[in-house]
C-alpha atoms as a PDB file:
ATOM      1  CA  MET A   1       6.228  91.022 -28.025  1.00  0.00           C
ATOM      2  CA  PRO A   2       8.233  90.007 -24.910  1.00  0.00           C
ATOM      3  CA  TYR A   3      10.777  92.294 -23.313  1.00  0.00           C
ATOM      4  CA  ASN A   4      13.518  90.743 -21.194  1.00  0.00           C
ATOM      5  CA  VAL A   5      14.984  92.939 -18.455  1.00  0.00           C
ATOM      6  CA  LYS A   6      17.099  92.125 -15.387  1.00  0.00           C
ATOM      7  CA  ILE A   7      16.716  93.975 -12.099  1.00  0.00           C
ATOM      8  CA  ASN A   8      20.020  94.292 -10.222  1.00  0.00           C
ATOM      9  CA  SER A   9      20.702  95.200  -6.588  1.00  0.00           C
ATOM     10  CA  CYS A  10      24.502  95.140  -6.934  1.00  0.00           C
ATOM     11  CA  LEU A  11      27.041  95.799  -9.669  1.00  0.00           C
ATOM     12  CA  ARG A  12      29.321  92.902 -10.662  1.00  0.00           C
ATOM     13  CA  LEU A  13      31.993  93.796 -13.209  1.00  0.00           C
ATOM     14  CA  SER A  14      34.917  92.296 -15.080  1.00  0.00           C
ATOM     15  CA  LYS A  15      37.795  94.419 -16.380  1.00  0.00           C
ATOM     16  CA  GLU A  16      36.209  94.317 -19.840  1.00  0.00           C
ATOM     17  CA  GLN A  17      32.933  95.670 -18.440  1.00  0.00           C
ATOM     18  CA  GLY A  18      34.608  98.592 -16.669  1.00  0.00           C
ATOM     19  CA  LEU A  19      36.048  97.309 -13.380  1.00  0.00           C
ATOM     20  CA  PRO A  20      38.860  99.773 -12.546  1.00  0.00           C
ATOM     21  CA  ASP A  21      42.336  98.615 -11.474  1.00  0.00           C
ATOM     22  CA  SER A  22      42.261 100.861  -8.418  1.00  0.00           C
ATOM     23  CA  ILE A  23      39.510 102.792  -6.676  1.00  0.00           C
ATOM     24  CA  GLU A  24      39.256 105.747  -4.322  1.00  0.00           C
ATOM     25  CA  VAL A  25      36.293 107.392  -2.638  1.00  0.00           C
ATOM     26  CA  GLY A  26      34.684 109.988  -4.890  1.00  0.00           C
ATOM     27  CA  GLN A  27      35.890 108.560  -8.206  1.00  0.00           C
ATOM     28  CA  GLU A  28      33.378 107.930 -10.995  1.00  0.00           C
ATOM     29  CA  PHE A  29      33.632 105.143 -13.557  1.00  0.00           C
ATOM     30  CA  ASN A  30      31.672 103.980 -16.583  1.00  0.00           C
ATOM     31  CA  PHE A  31      30.478 100.418 -17.118  1.00  0.00           C
ATOM     32  CA  THR A  32      28.832  98.313 -19.816  1.00  0.00           C
ATOM     33  CA  LYS A  33      26.801  95.141 -19.240  1.00  0.00           C
ATOM     34  CA  ASN A  34      25.137  92.827 -21.748  1.00  0.00           C
ATOM     35  CA  SER A  35      21.319  92.775 -21.797  1.00  0.00           C
ATOM     36  CA  HIS A  36      18.778  95.281 -20.560  1.00  0.00           C
ATOM     37  CA  ARG A  37      19.137  95.970 -16.825  1.00  0.00           C
ATOM     38  CA  ILE A  38      17.574  98.156 -14.193  1.00  0.00           C
ATOM     39  CA  TYR A  39      19.741  99.544 -11.368  1.00  0.00           C
ATOM     40  CA  PRO A  40      18.540 101.729  -8.486  1.00  0.00           C
ATOM     41  CA  ILE A  41      19.825 105.267  -9.049  1.00  0.00           C
ATOM     42  CA  ASP A  42      21.626 107.085  -6.201  1.00  0.00           C
ATOM     43  CA  ILE A  43      21.060 104.161  -3.805  1.00  0.00           C
ATOM     44  CA  PRO A  44      24.126 102.619  -2.089  1.00  0.00           C
ATOM     45  CA  MET A  45      24.924  99.084  -3.284  1.00  0.00           C
ATOM     46  CA  ASN A  46      27.894  96.742  -3.435  1.00  0.00           C
ATOM     47  CA  LEU A  47      30.492  96.598  -6.192  1.00  0.00           C
ATOM     48  CA  PHE A  48      31.777  93.061  -6.844  1.00  0.00           C
ATOM     49  CA  SER A  49      34.512  91.727  -9.098  1.00  0.00           C
ATOM     50  CA  ASP A  50      33.561  89.017 -11.581  1.00  0.00           C
ATOM     51  CA  THR A  51      34.679  86.455  -8.949  1.00  0.00           C
ATOM     52  CA  TRP A  52      32.190  87.903  -6.413  1.00  0.00           C
ATOM     53  CA  LYS A  53      34.825  89.645  -4.297  1.00  0.00           C
ATOM     54  CA  ALA A  54      33.236  92.668  -2.597  1.00  0.00           C
ATOM     55  CA  LEU A  55      35.299  95.773  -3.402  1.00  0.00           C
ATOM     56  CA  ALA A  56      33.341  98.869  -2.444  1.00  0.00           C
ATOM     57  CA  ARG A  57      30.057 100.560  -1.676  1.00  0.00           C
ATOM     58  CA  ILE A  58      28.899 102.510  -4.716  1.00  0.00           C
ATOM     59  CA  ALA A  59      25.967 104.428  -6.146  1.00  0.00           C
ATOM     60  CA  VAL A  60      24.913 104.107  -9.763  1.00  0.00           C
ATOM     61  CA  LEU A  61      24.444 107.661 -11.013  1.00  0.00           C
ATOM     62  CA  ARG A  62      22.876 107.053 -14.420  1.00  0.00           C
ATOM     63  CA  THR A  63      22.183 104.297 -16.943  1.00  0.00           C
ATOM     64  CA  THR A  64      21.239 103.991 -20.584  1.00  0.00           C
ATOM     65  CA  VAL A  65      19.523 100.881 -21.914  1.00  0.00           C
ATOM     66  CA  GLY A  66      19.344  99.848 -25.573  1.00  0.00           C
ATOM     67  CA  ASP A  67      20.786  97.608 -28.273  1.00  0.00           C
ATOM     68  CA  ASN A  68      20.667  94.692 -25.800  1.00  0.00           C
ATOM     69  CA  LYS A  69      23.139  96.356 -23.423  1.00  0.00           C
ATOM     70  CA  THR A  70      23.195  98.671 -20.431  1.00  0.00           C
ATOM     71  CA  THR A  71      25.771 101.399 -19.963  1.00  0.00           C
ATOM     72  CA  GLY A  72      26.131 103.545 -16.900  1.00  0.00           C
ATOM     73  CA  THR A  73      28.230 105.523 -14.460  1.00  0.00           C
ATOM     74  CA  PHE A  74      28.863 104.735 -10.805  1.00  0.00           C
ATOM     75  CA  LYS A  75      30.564 106.596  -7.954  1.00  0.00           C
ATOM     76  CA  ILE A  76      32.713 105.080  -5.202  1.00  0.00           C
ATOM     77  CA  LEU A  77      31.203 105.876  -1.784  1.00  0.00           C
ATOM     78  CA  MET A  78      33.413 103.655   0.384  1.00  0.00           C
ATOM     79  CA  VAL A  79      36.302 101.275  -0.346  1.00  0.00           C
ATOM     80  CA  TYR A  80      36.140  98.090   1.701  1.00  0.00           C
ATOM     81  CA  THR A  81      39.044  97.105   3.925  1.00  0.00           C
ATOM     82  CA  PRO A  82      40.202  93.481   3.488  1.00  0.00           C
ATOM     83  CA  GLU A  83      38.158  92.538   6.572  1.00  0.00           C
ATOM     84  CA  GLN A  84      35.028  94.294   5.292  1.00  0.00           C
ATOM     85  CA  SER A  85      35.503  92.736   1.851  1.00  0.00           C
ATOM     86  CA  ALA A  86      35.715  89.253   3.364  1.00  0.00           C
ATOM     87  CA  ALA A  87      32.616  89.841   5.499  1.00  0.00           C
ATOM     88  CA  VAL A  88      30.489  91.179   2.619  1.00  0.00           C
ATOM     89  CA  SER A  89      31.797  88.543   0.178  1.00  0.00           C
ATOM     90  CA  SER A  90      30.879  85.791   2.628  1.00  0.00           C
ATOM     91  CA  THR A  91      27.207  86.818   2.465  1.00  0.00           C
ATOM     92  CA  ILE A  92      26.981  85.746  -1.183  1.00  0.00           C
ATOM     93  CA  ILE A  93      25.443  82.294  -1.473  1.00  0.00           C
ATOM     94  CA  PRO A  94      26.756  80.783  -4.719  1.00  0.00           C
ATOM     95  CA  TYR A  95      24.435  78.941  -7.025  1.00  0.00           C
ATOM     96  CA  LYS A  96      24.760  77.635 -10.541  1.00  0.00           C
ATOM     97  CA  GLY A  97      23.739  80.917 -12.207  1.00  0.00           C
ATOM     98  CA  PHE A  98      26.350  83.041 -10.382  1.00  0.00           C
ATOM     99  CA  ASN A  99      29.218  81.713 -12.475  1.00  0.00           C
ATOM    100  CA  LYS A 100      27.803  82.961 -15.753  1.00  0.00           C
ATOM    101  CA  LYS A 101      29.570  86.010 -17.167  1.00  0.00           C
ATOM    102  CA  GLU A 102      26.974  88.497 -18.348  1.00  0.00           C
END
C-alpha cells in the first residue's frame, strides 16, 4: 500500500494554517498543513507567507503526522528586516507547483 509523504526544507503558511499576524524572536506558534510532511527538527529554516514572502528564520520544534495532516510547533529565531526579506524572497524560483495552496 503506497504512503505519500512530503519532505519540506522551509515552512510556508497562510493565516488559516497558523501564520501569526506579528512575530518576535523567541515566540512559539502552532501550525497545521494538509498531507503528511516531514520537517527537520531544531534545524534553522525559513518561514514564508503563502505568497512566498520570507518573514523569519525559524526552527520546527515538534510535529505530529496523521489523518492526512501535519501539525507542529515552531519557534522564531530571527525576524527578517525588509532588506533581508527581499533578499531571501528573491532566491525563490517560482514554478507552476508553487502557487498551489497545500
